[in-house]
Amino acid sequence: MNHLEKEAQEHVTRKRKAFLRTLGGKINEVESHIKSNVWDCREVELARDHLTSSFLWLREAAEKYGVK
């Protein structure tokens, strides 16, 4: 791998990591907002499970296809 390819790969990796870090922070904010404002119940538990699932699928997509 030449220098330019290595630099491009590092750039893509930095962008992906920044995206995932920001996404994780936003998901934590949503989870905190839910905990603070909605009573715990089965529906809330399901919603939080889906939120976690969404994060995992987005992480998979970002790793497989990259980010814009």
PDB file of N, CA and C in Angstrom:
ATOM      1  N   MET A   1       0.857  -1.172   0.000  1.00  0.00           N
ATOM      2  CA  MET A   1       0.000   0.000   0.000  1.00  0.00           C
ATOM      3  C   MET A   1       0.901   1.233   0.000  1.00  0.00           C
ATOM      4  N   ASN A   2       0.663   2.120  -0.946  1.00  0.00           N
ATOM      5  CA  ASN A   2       1.506   3.311  -1.005  1.00  0.00           C
ATOM      6  C   ASN A   2       1.025   4.362   0.002  1.00  0.00           C
ATOM      7  N   HIS A   3       1.783   5.429   0.100  1.00  0.00           N
ATOM      8  CA  HIS A   3       1.511   6.468   1.094  1.00  0.00           C
ATOM      9  C   HIS A   3       0.126   7.085   0.915  1.00  0.00           C
ATOM     10  N   LEU A   4      -0.272   7.367  -0.295  1.00  0.00           N
ATOM     11  CA  LEU A   4      -1.565   7.987  -0.561  1.00  0.00           C
ATOM     12  C   LEU A   4      -2.720   7.057  -0.169  1.00  0.00           C
ATOM     13  N   GLU A   5      -2.602   5.790  -0.492  1.00  0.00           N
ATOM     14  CA  GLU A   5      -3.634   4.816  -0.113  1.00  0.00           C
ATOM     15  C   GLU A   5      -3.729   4.693   1.404  1.00  0.00           C
ATOM     16  N   LYS A   6      -2.594   4.671   2.062  1.00  0.00           N
ATOM     17  CA  LYS A   6      -2.572   4.569   3.521  1.00  0.00           C
ATOM     18  C   LYS A   6      -3.237   5.800   4.142  1.00  0.00           C
ATOM     19  N   GLU A   7      -2.921   6.966   3.623  1.00  0.00           N
ATOM     20  CA  GLU A   7      -3.513   8.202   4.132  1.00  0.00           C
ATOM     21  C   GLU A   7      -5.029   8.211   3.921  1.00  0.00           C
ATOM     22  N   ALA A   8      -5.475   7.747   2.760  1.00  0.00           N
ATOM     23  CA  ALA A   8      -6.911   7.677   2.474  1.00  0.00           C
ATOM     24  C   ALA A   8      -7.601   6.702   3.423  1.00  0.00           C
ATOM     25  N   GLN A   9      -6.988   5.562   3.667  1.00  0.00           N
ATOM     26  CA  GLN A   9      -7.563   4.567   4.577  1.00  0.00           C
ATOM     27  C   GLN A   9      -7.660   5.116   5.993  1.00  0.00           C
ATOM     28  N   GLU A  10      -6.639   5.824   6.438  1.00  0.00           N
ATOM     29  CA  GLU A  10      -6.657   6.430   7.773  1.00  0.00           C
ATOM     30  C   GLU A  10      -7.763   7.472   7.885  1.00  0.00           C
ATOM     31  N   HIS A  11      -7.967   8.248   6.813  1.00  0.00           N
ATOM     32  CA  HIS A  11      -9.033   9.252   6.797  1.00  0.00           C
ATOM     33  C   HIS A  11     -10.403   8.580   6.941  1.00  0.00           C
ATOM     34  N   VAL A  12     -10.631   7.531   6.173  1.00  0.00           N
ATOM     35  CA  VAL A  12     -11.898   6.800   6.224  1.00  0.00           C
ATOM     36  C   VAL A  12     -12.111   6.221   7.623  1.00  0.00           C
ATOM     37  N   THR A  13     -11.074   5.669   8.205  1.00  0.00           N
ATOM     38  CA  THR A  13     -11.171   5.094   9.545  1.00  0.00           C
ATOM     39  C   THR A  13     -11.504   6.166  10.578  1.00  0.00           C
ATOM     40  N   ARG A  14     -10.849   7.324  10.479  1.00  0.00           N
ATOM     41  CA  ARG A  14     -11.141   8.428  11.411  1.00  0.00           C
ATOM     42  C   ARG A  14     -12.589   8.883  11.292  1.00  0.00           C
ATOM     43  N   LYS A  15     -13.083   9.013  10.052  1.00  0.00           N
ATOM     44  CA  LYS A  15     -14.476   9.436   9.845  1.00  0.00           C
ATOM     45  C   LYS A  15     -15.451   8.422  10.443  1.00  0.00           C
ATOM     46  N   ARG A  16     -15.182   7.141  10.230  1.00  0.00           N
ATOM     47  CA  ARG A  16     -16.060   6.095  10.761  1.00  0.00           C
ATOM     48  C   ARG A  16     -16.070   6.126  12.285  1.00  0.00           C
ATOM     49  N   LYS A  17     -14.879   6.239  12.888  1.00  0.00           N
ATOM     50  CA  LYS A  17     -14.804   6.272  14.347  1.00  0.00           C
ATOM     51  C   LYS A  17     -15.504   7.491  14.916  1.00  0.00           C
ATOM     52  N   ALA A  18     -15.351   8.639  14.259  1.00  0.00           N
ATOM     53  CA  ALA A  18     -16.022   9.861  14.721  1.00  0.00           C
ATOM     54  C   ALA A  18     -17.539   9.704  14.626  1.00  0.00           C
ATOM     55  N   PHE A  19     -18.010   9.129  13.521  1.00  0.00           N
ATOM     56  CA  PHE A  19     -19.447   8.891  13.349  1.00  0.00           C
ATOM     57  C   PHE A  19     -19.985   7.997  14.468  1.00  0.00           C
ATOM     58  N   LEU A  20     -19.292   6.889  14.723  1.00  0.00           N
ATOM     59  CA  LEU A  20     -19.763   5.943  15.734  1.00  0.00           C
ATOM     60  C   LEU A  20     -19.707   6.544  17.135  1.00  0.00           C
ATOM     61  N   ARG A  21     -18.688   7.334  17.410  1.00  0.00           N
ATOM     62  CA  ARG A  21     -18.578   7.991  18.713  1.00  0.00           C
ATOM     63  C   ARG A  21     -19.743   8.975  18.903  1.00  0.00           C
ATOM     64  N   THR A  22     -20.021   9.775  17.878  1.00  0.00           N
ATOM     65  CA  THR A  22     -21.125  10.730  17.947  1.00  0.00           C
ATOM     66  C   THR A  22     -22.464  10.012  18.056  1.00  0.00           C
ATOM     67  N   LEU A  23     -22.655   8.986  17.254  1.00  0.00           N
ATOM     68  CA  LEU A  23     -23.896   8.216  17.294  1.00  0.00           C
ATOM     69  C   LEU A  23     -24.109   7.604  18.676  1.00  0.00           C
ATOM     70  N   GLY A  24     -23.052   7.016  19.240  1.00  0.00           N
ATOM     71  CA  GLY A  24     -23.160   6.431  20.577  1.00  0.00           C
ATOM     72  C   GLY A  24     -23.564   7.466  21.612  1.00  0.00           C
ATOM     73  N   GLY A  25     -22.997   8.658  21.517  1.00  0.00           N
ATOM     74  CA  GLY A  25     -23.355   9.727  22.441  1.00  0.00           C
ATOM     75  C   GLY A  25     -24.810  10.139  22.301  1.00  0.00           C
ATOM     76  N   LYS A  26     -25.275  10.241  21.065  1.00  0.00           N
ATOM     77  CA  LYS A  26     -26.674  10.625  20.823  1.00  0.00           C
ATOM     78  C   LYS A  26     -27.633   9.546  21.329  1.00  0.00           C
ATOM     79  N   ILE A  27     -27.274   8.297  21.128  1.00  0.00           N
ATOM     80  CA  ILE A  27     -28.130   7.209  21.619  1.00  0.00           C
ATOM     81  C   ILE A  27     -28.173   7.227  23.140  1.00  0.00           C
ATOM     82  N   ASN A  28     -27.039   7.496  23.779  1.00  0.00           N
ATOM     83  CA  ASN A  28     -27.026   7.622  25.245  1.00  0.00           C
ATOM     84  C   ASN A  28     -27.917   8.764  25.702  1.00  0.00           C
ATOM     85  N   GLU A  29     -27.909   9.879  24.965  1.00  0.00           N
ATOM     86  CA  GLU A  29     -28.785  11.010  25.297  1.00  0.00           C
ATOM     87  C   GLU A  29     -30.248  10.598  25.211  1.00  0.00           C
ATOM     88  N   VAL A  30     -30.603   9.875  24.153  1.00  0.00           N
ATOM     89  CA  VAL A  30     -31.993   9.429  23.990  1.00  0.00           C
ATOM     90  C   VAL A  30     -32.375   8.480  25.117  1.00  0.00           C
ATOM     91  N   GLU A  31     -31.495   7.553  25.457  1.00  0.00           N
ATOM     92  CA  GLU A  31     -31.788   6.618  26.553  1.00  0.00           C
ATOM     93  C   GLU A  31     -31.977   7.361  27.868  1.00  0.00           C
ATOM     94  N   SER A  32     -31.142   8.352  28.140  1.00  0.00           N
ATOM     95  CA  SER A  32     -31.281   9.147  29.364  1.00  0.00           C
ATOM     96  C   SER A  32     -32.591   9.917  29.369  1.00  0.00           C
ATOM     97  N   HIS A  33     -32.945  10.470  28.216  1.00  0.00           N
ATOM     98  CA  HIS A  33     -34.199  11.221  28.098  1.00  0.00           C
ATOM     99  C   HIS A  33     -35.395  10.302  28.363  1.00  0.00           C
ATOM    100  N   ILE A  34     -35.343   9.107  27.816  1.00  0.00           N
ATOM    101  CA  ILE A  34     -36.413   8.136  28.043  1.00  0.00           C
ATOM    102  C   ILE A  34     -36.503   7.791  29.529  1.00  0.00           C
ATOM    103  N   LYS A  35     -35.356   7.466  30.150  1.00  0.00           N
ATOM    104  CA  LYS A  35     -35.351   7.107  31.576  1.00  0.00           C
ATOM    105  C   LYS A  35     -35.910   8.218  32.452  1.00  0.00           C
ATOM    106  N   SER A  36     -35.613   9.465  32.082  1.00  0.00           N
ATOM    107  CA  SER A  36     -36.030  10.607  32.892  1.00  0.00           C
ATOM    108  C   SER A  36     -37.496  10.969  32.717  1.00  0.00           C
ATOM    109  N   ASN A  37     -38.103  10.550  31.616  1.00  0.00           N
ATOM    110  CA  ASN A  37     -39.426  11.068  31.302  1.00  0.00           C
ATOM    111  C   ASN A  37     -40.529  10.041  31.107  1.00  0.00           C
ATOM    112  N   VAL A  38     -40.185   8.768  31.055  1.00  0.00           N
ATOM    113  CA  VAL A  38     -41.210   7.749  30.815  1.00  0.00           C
ATOM    114  C   VAL A  38     -41.059   6.650  31.869  1.00  0.00           C
ATOM    115  N   TRP A  39     -42.191   6.224  32.410  1.00  0.00           N
ATOM    116  CA  TRP A  39     -42.158   5.143  33.385  1.00  0.00           C
ATOM    117  C   TRP A  39     -41.690   3.859  32.722  1.00  0.00           C
ATOM    118  N   ASP A  40     -40.935   3.054  33.482  1.00  0.00           N
ATOM    119  CA  ASP A  40     -40.493   1.760  32.959  1.00  0.00           C
ATOM    120  C   ASP A  40     -41.696   0.852  32.749  1.00  0.00           C
ATOM    121  N   CYS A  41     -41.735   0.238  31.575  1.00  0.00           N
ATOM    122  CA  CYS A  41     -42.774  -0.731  31.250  1.00  0.00           C
ATOM    123  C   CYS A  41     -42.244  -1.588  30.105  1.00  0.00           C
ATOM    124  N   ARG A  42     -42.996  -2.566  29.717  1.00  0.00           N
ATOM    125  CA  ARG A  42     -42.564  -3.482  28.657  1.00  0.00           C
ATOM    126  C   ARG A  42     -42.323  -2.741  27.340  1.00  0.00           C
ATOM    127  N   GLU A  43     -43.201  -1.799  27.025  1.00  0.00           N
ATOM    128  CA  GLU A  43     -43.051  -1.055  25.776  1.00  0.00           C
ATOM    129  C   GLU A  43     -41.764  -0.230  25.754  1.00  0.00           C
ATOM    130  N   VAL A  44     -41.437   0.372  26.873  1.00  0.00           N
ATOM    131  CA  VAL A  44     -40.197   1.161  26.974  1.00  0.00           C
ATOM    132  C   VAL A  44     -38.990   0.237  26.847  1.00  0.00           C
ATOM    133  N   GLU A  45     -39.068  -0.911  27.475  1.00  0.00           N
ATOM    134  CA  GLU A  45     -37.973  -1.887  27.363  1.00  0.00           C
ATOM    135  C   GLU A  45     -37.779  -2.311  25.905  1.00  0.00           C
ATOM    136  N   LEU A  46     -38.868  -2.554  25.204  1.00  0.00           N
ATOM    137  CA  LEU A  46     -38.781  -2.921  23.781  1.00  0.00           C
ATOM    138  C   LEU A  46     -38.190  -1.784  22.952  1.00  0.00           C
ATOM    139  N   ALA A  47     -38.618  -0.570  23.239  1.00  0.00           N
ATOM    140  CA  ALA A  47     -38.097   0.583  22.501  1.00  0.00           C
ATOM    141  C   ALA A  47     -36.591   0.727  22.735  1.00  0.00           C
ATOM    142  N   ARG A  48     -36.149   0.545  23.974  1.00  0.00           N
ATOM    143  CA  ARG A  48     -34.724   0.644  24.271  1.00  0.00           C
ATOM    144  C   ARG A  48     -33.948  -0.495  23.612  1.00  0.00           C
ATOM    145  N   ASP A  49     -34.527  -1.676  23.556  1.00  0.00           N
ATOM    146  CA  ASP A  49     -33.886  -2.793  22.853  1.00  0.00           C
ATOM    147  C   ASP A  49     -33.727  -2.473  21.361  1.00  0.00           C
ATOM    148  N   HIS A  50     -34.759  -1.882  20.784  1.00  0.00           N
ATOM    149  CA  HIS A  50     -34.693  -1.523  19.359  1.00  0.00           C
ATOM    150  C   HIS A  50     -33.671  -0.406  19.127  1.00  0.00           C
ATOM    151  N   LEU A  51     -33.553   0.490  20.073  1.00  0.00           N
ATOM    152  CA  LEU A  51     -32.553   1.543  19.958  1.00  0.00           C
ATOM    153  C   LEU A  51     -31.146   0.933  19.944  1.00  0.00           C
ATOM    154  N   THR A  52     -30.913  -0.005  20.835  1.00  0.00           N
ATOM    155  CA  THR A  52     -29.629  -0.701  20.867  1.00  0.00           C
ATOM    156  C   THR A  52     -29.402  -1.467  19.568  1.00  0.00           C
ATOM    157  N   SER A  53     -30.441  -2.137  19.099  1.00  0.00           N
ATOM    158  CA  SER A  53     -30.347  -2.878  17.841  1.00  0.00           C
ATOM    159  C   SER A  53     -30.030  -1.944  16.679  1.00  0.00           C
ATOM    160  N   SER A  54     -30.652  -0.783  16.671  1.00  0.00           N
ATOM    161  CA  SER A  54     -30.376   0.198  15.616  1.00  0.00           C
ATOM    162  C   SER A  54     -28.914   0.617  15.625  1.00  0.00           C
ATOM    163  N   PHE A  55     -28.381   0.866  16.817  1.00  0.00           N
ATOM    164  CA  PHE A  55     -26.974   1.238  16.915  1.00  0.00           C
ATOM    165  C   PHE A  55     -26.078   0.134  16.359  1.00  0.00           C
ATOM    166  N   LEU A  56     -26.360  -1.104  16.716  1.00  0.00           N
ATOM    167  CA  LEU A  56     -25.531  -2.223  16.254  1.00  0.00           C
ATOM    168  C   LEU A  56     -25.607  -2.381  14.738  1.00  0.00           C
ATOM    169  N   TRP A  57     -26.801  -2.236  14.163  1.00  0.00           N
ATOM    170  CA  TRP A  57     -26.936  -2.339  12.710  1.00  0.00           C
ATOM    171  C   TRP A  57     -26.229  -1.185  12.009  1.00  0.00           C
ATOM    172  N   LEU A  58     -26.339   0.013  12.566  1.00  0.00           N
ATOM    173  CA  LEU A  58     -25.652   1.159  11.977  1.00  0.00           C
ATOM    174  C   LEU A  58     -24.140   1.002  12.047  1.00  0.00           C
ATOM    175  N   ARG A  59     -23.663   0.458  13.145  1.00  0.00           N
ATOM    176  CA  ARG A  59     -22.226   0.214  13.277  1.00  0.00           C
ATOM    177  C   ARG A  59     -21.769  -0.791  12.219  1.00  0.00           C
ATOM    178  N   GLU A  60     -22.544  -1.836  12.037  1.00  0.00           N
ATOM    179  CA  GLU A  60     -22.222  -2.847  11.016  1.00  0.00           C
ATOM    180  C   GLU A  60     -22.195  -2.217   9.627  1.00  0.00           C
ATOM    181  N   ALA A  61     -23.199  -1.394   9.316  1.00  0.00           N
ATOM    182  CA  ALA A  61     -23.264  -0.747   8.005  1.00  0.00           C
ATOM    183  C   ALA A  61     -22.078   0.195   7.799  1.00  0.00           C
ATOM    184  N   ALA A  62     -21.727   0.957   8.829  1.00  0.00           N
ATOM    185  CA  ALA A  62     -20.604   1.895   8.717  1.00  0.00           C
ATOM    186  C   ALA A  62     -19.290   1.144   8.495  1.00  0.00           C
ATOM    187  N   GLU A  63     -19.121   0.030   9.167  1.00  0.00           N
ATOM    188  CA  GLU A  63     -17.891  -0.746   9.004  1.00  0.00           C
ATOM    189  C   GLU A  63     -17.843  -1.433   7.640  1.00  0.00           C
ATOM    190  N   LYS A  64     -19.006  -1.868   7.148  1.00  0.00           N
ATOM    191  CA  LYS A  64     -19.045  -2.605   5.888  1.00  0.00           C
ATOM    192  C   LYS A  64     -19.007  -1.682   4.673  1.00  0.00           C
ATOM    193  N   TYR A  65     -19.756  -0.557   4.734  1.00  0.00           N
ATOM    194  CA  TYR A  65     -19.889   0.302   3.566  1.00  0.00           C
ATOM    195  C   TYR A  65     -19.265   1.681   3.725  1.00  0.00           C
ATOM    196  N   GLY A  66     -18.840   2.019   4.935  1.00  0.00           N
ATOM    197  CA  GLY A  66     -18.253   3.332   5.175  1.00  0.00           C
ATOM    198  C   GLY A  66     -19.315   4.378   5.476  1.00  0.00           C
ATOM    199  N   VAL A  67     -18.876   5.596   5.698  1.00  0.00           N
ATOM    200  CA  VAL A  67     -19.777   6.713   5.987  1.00  0.00           C
ATOM    201  C   VAL A  67     -19.562   7.793   4.917  1.00  0.00           C
ATOM    202  N   LYS A  68     -20.535   8.656   4.783  1.00  0.00           N
ATOM    203  CA  LYS A  68     -20.457   9.738   3.783  1.00  0.00           C
ATOM    204  C   LYS A  68     -19.403  10.744   4.180  1.00  0.00           C
TER     205      LYS A  68
END
